[in-house]
Protein backbone atom coordinates (compact mmCIF):
# COMPACT_ATOMS: atom_id res chain seq x y z
CA MET A 1 -42.55 -28.26 -3.62
CA LYS A 2 -40.33 -27.29 -0.70
CA GLU A 3 -41.52 -27.77 2.84
CA PRO A 4 -42.26 -24.33 4.38
CA ILE A 5 -39.53 -24.65 7.01
CA HIS A 6 -36.86 -25.47 4.42
CA ALA A 7 -38.12 -22.80 2.03
CA LEU A 8 -37.62 -20.34 4.89
CA MET A 9 -33.94 -21.31 5.08
CA GLU A 10 -33.60 -20.38 1.40
CA THR A 11 -35.40 -17.03 1.67
CA PRO A 12 -33.12 -14.04 0.91
CA ILE A 13 -33.33 -11.99 4.11
CA TYR A 14 -29.82 -10.67 4.83
CA GLY A 15 -28.15 -7.77 3.04
CA LEU A 16 -24.41 -7.93 2.46
CA SER A 17 -23.55 -5.38 5.16
CA GLU A 18 -25.78 -7.06 7.72
CA ALA A 19 -24.35 -10.51 6.99
CA ALA A 20 -20.78 -9.21 7.18
CA GLN A 21 -21.52 -7.74 10.60
CA TYR A 22 -23.01 -10.99 11.87
CA LEU A 23 -20.10 -13.04 10.55
CA ARG A 24 -17.44 -10.56 11.70
CA VAL A 25 -15.81 -10.46 8.27
CA PRO A 26 -14.90 -7.45 6.09
CA LEU A 27 -17.65 -6.46 3.67
CA ASN A 28 -15.31 -6.66 0.67
CA THR A 29 -14.32 -10.21 1.67
CA LEU A 30 -17.94 -11.31 1.90
CA ARG A 31 -18.72 -9.61 -1.41
CA TYR A 32 -15.89 -11.55 -3.08
CA TRP A 33 -17.20 -14.85 -1.67
CA VAL A 34 -20.75 -14.33 -2.90
CA GLN A 35 -20.21 -12.25 -6.04
CA GLY A 36 -16.75 -13.23 -7.24
CA GLY A 37 -14.62 -10.80 -9.18
CA GLY A 38 -13.99 -10.37 -12.87
CA SER A 39 -13.77 -13.84 -14.39
CA ILE A 40 -13.65 -15.47 -10.94
CA PRO A 41 -16.99 -17.05 -10.00
CA PRO A 42 -18.43 -16.78 -6.48
CA LEU A 43 -17.86 -19.50 -3.89
CA VAL A 44 -21.41 -19.19 -2.60
CA ILE A 45 -24.48 -18.91 -4.83
CA LEU A 46 -26.71 -16.18 -3.44
CA ALA A 47 -30.41 -16.75 -2.87
CA ASN A 48 -30.97 -13.41 -4.60
CA ARG A 49 -28.43 -11.64 -6.80
CA ASP A 50 -30.15 -8.35 -7.63
CA PRO A 51 -30.23 -6.90 -5.11
CA ALA A 52 -27.62 -9.09 -3.44
CA ARG A 53 -29.16 -10.83 -0.43
CA LEU A 54 -28.19 -13.94 1.49
CA SER A 55 -30.48 -16.66 2.74
CA PHE A 56 -29.94 -18.24 6.15
CA THR A 57 -28.30 -21.15 4.33
CA ASN A 58 -25.96 -18.70 2.56
CA LEU A 59 -25.11 -17.18 5.94
CA LEU A 60 -24.04 -20.58 7.25
CA GLU A 61 -21.99 -21.28 4.12
CA CYS A 62 -20.11 -18.02 4.59
CA HIS A 63 -19.62 -18.81 8.28
CA MET A 64 -17.85 -21.97 7.22
CA LEU A 65 -15.72 -20.12 4.70
CA SER A 66 -14.79 -17.61 7.36
CA SER A 67 -13.90 -20.29 9.85
CA MET A 68 -11.82 -22.33 7.45
CA ARG A 69 -9.88 -19.24 6.46
CA ALA A 70 -9.44 -17.75 9.94
CA ILE A 71 -9.01 -20.85 12.07
CA TYR A 72 -7.53 -23.50 9.78
CA GLU A 73 -5.61 -21.06 7.60
CA VAL A 74 -6.91 -22.72 4.45
CA LYS A 75 -6.38 -20.45 1.45
CA ILE A 76 -9.44 -19.52 -0.61
CA PRO A 77 -7.99 -20.91 -3.90
CA ARG A 78 -7.75 -24.31 -2.18
CA VAL A 79 -11.35 -24.00 -1.06
CA ARG A 80 -12.41 -23.18 -4.62
CA LYS A 81 -10.52 -26.18 -5.99
CA ALA A 82 -11.94 -28.39 -3.25
CA LEU A 83 -15.51 -27.42 -4.16
CA ILE A 84 -14.88 -28.23 -7.81
CA ASN A 85 -13.42 -31.62 -6.89
CA LEU A 86 -16.23 -32.29 -4.42
CA GLY A 87 -18.62 -32.21 -7.36
CA LYS A 88 -16.93 -35.37 -8.66
CA TYR A 89 -18.05 -37.30 -5.59
CA VAL A 90 -21.31 -35.82 -4.36
CA LYS A 91 -23.96 -33.47 -5.71
CA HIS A 92 -25.00 -30.81 -3.21
CA LYS A 93 -26.71 -27.47 -3.75
CA HIS A 94 -24.86 -26.13 -0.69
CA PRO A 95 -21.69 -28.22 -0.41
CA LEU A 96 -20.07 -26.02 2.24
CA LEU A 97 -23.00 -26.70 4.53
CA GLN A 98 -24.13 -30.17 3.57
CA GLN A 99 -20.76 -31.86 3.32
CA ALA A 100 -18.65 -31.83 6.50
CA PHE A 101 -15.03 -31.07 5.67
CA GLN A 102 -11.92 -32.10 7.55
CA THR A 103 -8.64 -30.24 7.33
CA ASP A 104 -4.96 -30.51 8.22
CA ARG A 105 -4.67 -26.66 8.19
CA ARG A 106 -3.48 -26.73 4.61
CA ASP A 107 -5.66 -28.94 2.42
CA LEU A 108 -9.33 -29.90 2.53
CA PHE A 109 -10.52 -33.46 2.91
CA VAL A 110 -13.85 -35.21 2.88
CA GLU A 111 -14.90 -38.73 3.82
CA HIS A 112 -16.39 -40.52 0.83
CA LEU A 113 -17.40 -44.18 0.85
CA GLY A 114 -15.23 -44.87 3.89
CA ARG A 115 -12.15 -43.18 2.46
CA ILE A 116 -10.62 -39.77 3.10
CA VAL A 117 -10.31 -37.86 -0.16
CA ASN A 118 -7.95 -34.91 -0.48
CA LEU A 119 -10.03 -32.42 -2.44
CA SER A 120 -7.22 -29.90 -2.78
CA ARG A 121 -4.73 -32.14 -4.60
CA ASP A 122 -6.78 -34.58 -6.66
CA GLN A 123 -5.49 -37.55 -4.68
CA GLN A 124 -6.63 -39.75 -1.83
CA ILE A 125 -4.82 -39.67 1.50
CA LEU A 126 -5.82 -41.41 4.72
CA ILE A 127 -5.46 -39.02 7.65
CA PRO A 128 -6.91 -38.81 11.15
CA GLY A 129 -9.91 -36.50 11.43
CA VAL A 130 -9.44 -33.01 12.81
CA MET A 131 -12.16 -31.44 14.92
CA GLU A 132 -14.21 -29.12 12.74
CA PHE A 133 -14.41 -26.11 14.96
CA TYR A 134 -16.74 -24.14 12.73
CA LEU A 135 -19.41 -26.87 12.84
CA GLU A 136 -19.64 -26.58 16.61
CA ARG A 137 -21.51 -23.30 16.20
CA ILE A 138 -24.26 -24.96 14.16
CA GLU A 139 -26.94 -27.33 15.43
CA ARG A 140 -29.32 -29.35 13.30
CA ASP A 141 -32.60 -30.73 14.60
CA SER A 142 -34.53 -33.83 13.55
CA LYS A 143 -36.38 -31.83 10.86
CA GLY A 144 -33.14 -30.73 9.25
CA LEU A 145 -33.43 -27.14 10.50
CA PHE A 146 -30.16 -25.41 11.31
CA LYS A 147 -29.60 -23.06 14.24
CA PHE A 148 -26.56 -20.82 14.21
CA TYR A 149 -24.65 -19.58 17.27
CA PRO A 150 -22.39 -16.79 15.95
CA PHE A 151 -19.18 -15.80 17.67
CA VAL A 152 -19.76 -12.74 19.81
CA MET A 153 -16.28 -11.75 20.95
CA GLU A 154 -13.66 -14.26 19.81
CA ARG A 155 -13.34 -17.45 17.79
CA LYS A 156 -12.58 -19.65 20.77
CA GLN A 157 -13.58 -23.11 21.92
CA ASP A 158 -15.14 -21.76 25.09
CA GLU A 159 -17.04 -18.91 23.45
CA PRO A 160 -20.59 -19.07 24.94
CA LYS A 161 -23.54 -20.05 22.77
CA LEU A 162 -25.91 -17.46 24.16
CA ILE A 163 -26.85 -15.71 20.92
CA GLN A 164 -28.72 -17.55 18.20
CA ILE A 165 -29.77 -16.88 14.63
CA ASN A 166 -32.67 -19.06 13.50
CA PRO A 167 -34.83 -18.42 10.41
CA THR A 168 -37.96 -19.52 12.29
CA VAL A 169 -37.45 -17.13 15.22
CA GLY A 170 -37.53 -13.34 15.12
CA PHE A 171 -37.52 -13.20 11.32
CA GLY A 172 -33.98 -14.61 11.29
CA LYS A 173 -32.53 -11.77 13.37
CA PRO A 174 -30.27 -12.44 16.40
CA VAL A 175 -32.05 -13.43 19.60
CA ILE A 176 -31.07 -14.70 23.01
CA ALA A 177 -30.65 -18.46 22.52
CA GLY A 178 -33.65 -20.51 23.55
CA THR A 179 -35.96 -17.49 23.43
CA GLY A 180 -37.48 -15.10 20.94
CA ILE A 181 -35.97 -12.11 22.71
CA SER A 182 -34.38 -9.72 20.20
CA THR A 183 -30.84 -8.67 21.02
CA ALA A 184 -31.52 -5.34 19.32
CA VAL A 185 -34.50 -4.64 21.57
CA VAL A 186 -32.53 -5.60 24.69
CA ALA A 187 -29.65 -3.32 23.74
CA SER A 188 -32.03 -0.48 22.91
CA ARG A 189 -33.68 -0.71 26.32
CA PHE A 190 -30.32 -0.90 28.05
CA ASN A 191 -29.18 2.20 26.16
CA ALA A 192 -32.36 3.88 27.42
CA ARG A 193 -30.94 3.35 30.95
CA GLU A 194 -32.89 0.25 31.97
CA SER A 195 -30.75 -1.94 34.20
CA ILE A 196 -29.48 -5.40 33.33
CA ASP A 197 -31.12 -6.90 36.41
CA ASP A 198 -34.49 -5.32 35.61
CA LEU A 199 -34.34 -6.55 32.02
CA ALA A 200 -33.37 -10.05 33.13
CA SER A 201 -36.25 -10.12 35.60
CA GLU A 202 -38.79 -8.90 33.04
CA TYR A 203 -37.71 -11.32 30.33
CA GLY A 204 -37.23 -14.25 32.71
CA VAL A 205 -33.60 -14.86 31.77
CA LYS A 206 -30.25 -14.64 33.56
CA PRO A 207 -28.31 -11.36 33.72
CA ARG A 208 -25.43 -12.95 31.77
CA GLN A 209 -27.81 -13.55 28.86
CA ILE A 210 -28.81 -9.89 28.86
CA GLU A 211 -25.15 -8.91 29.06
CA GLU A 212 -24.31 -11.10 26.08
CA ALA A 213 -27.16 -9.62 24.03
CA ILE A 214 -25.82 -6.13 24.74
CA ARG A 215 -22.27 -7.25 24.00
CA TRP A 216 -23.42 -8.75 20.67
CA GLU A 217 -25.13 -5.56 19.59
CA GLN A 218 -22.15 -3.43 20.61
CA ARG A 219 -19.73 -5.58 18.63
CA THR A 220 -22.10 -5.67 15.65
CA ALA A 221 -22.28 -1.87 15.66
CA GLU A 222 -18.47 -1.71 15.78
CA ALA A 223 -18.30 -3.96 12.72
CA ALA A 224 -20.69 -1.74 10.76
């Protein structure tokens, strides 16, 4: 039986449109990743297929797909081949999340038994590790729970981690990091003409945190 906290990470709570907005990826792209097309199987196995809904774990898997494609310029066919080859070395239910990849911007590599294995070409190559930018937006605590800090404006090294998605806080909806304050509620109150300073004072946070919550909701609405 799963521990409650880990079962929560596998609960299907995000619709496709909602997840696409959070991840800042086109809906059709996300649909291809999680549903495949024709004879092409999906890259991510959904927590619920009918209706299609993502779990928090699925959301993180798609975040990694998005980051590998957008930042490292790794082509999706190489990712698909890498996942197939990964199965020869390790058995993971969620390989994109549980196995940290390295990349040289073209192929995918993984460290296995002290060696670097090229998963894209069926051969082993020793290479220096490359910083896995997409993993920097994910934190894992001692209980194995993941916390996700989505990109708000740009995929940059210095992008603040002020917005958090956590399945144990706010029903898995975006909140101001370190709090249970809903970004949607903050933006709604701001749109009702409450000032940033007043909101910050009431919630006991800094004005920049309120500003980021509003910015997140505005960008999410634009992506809808």
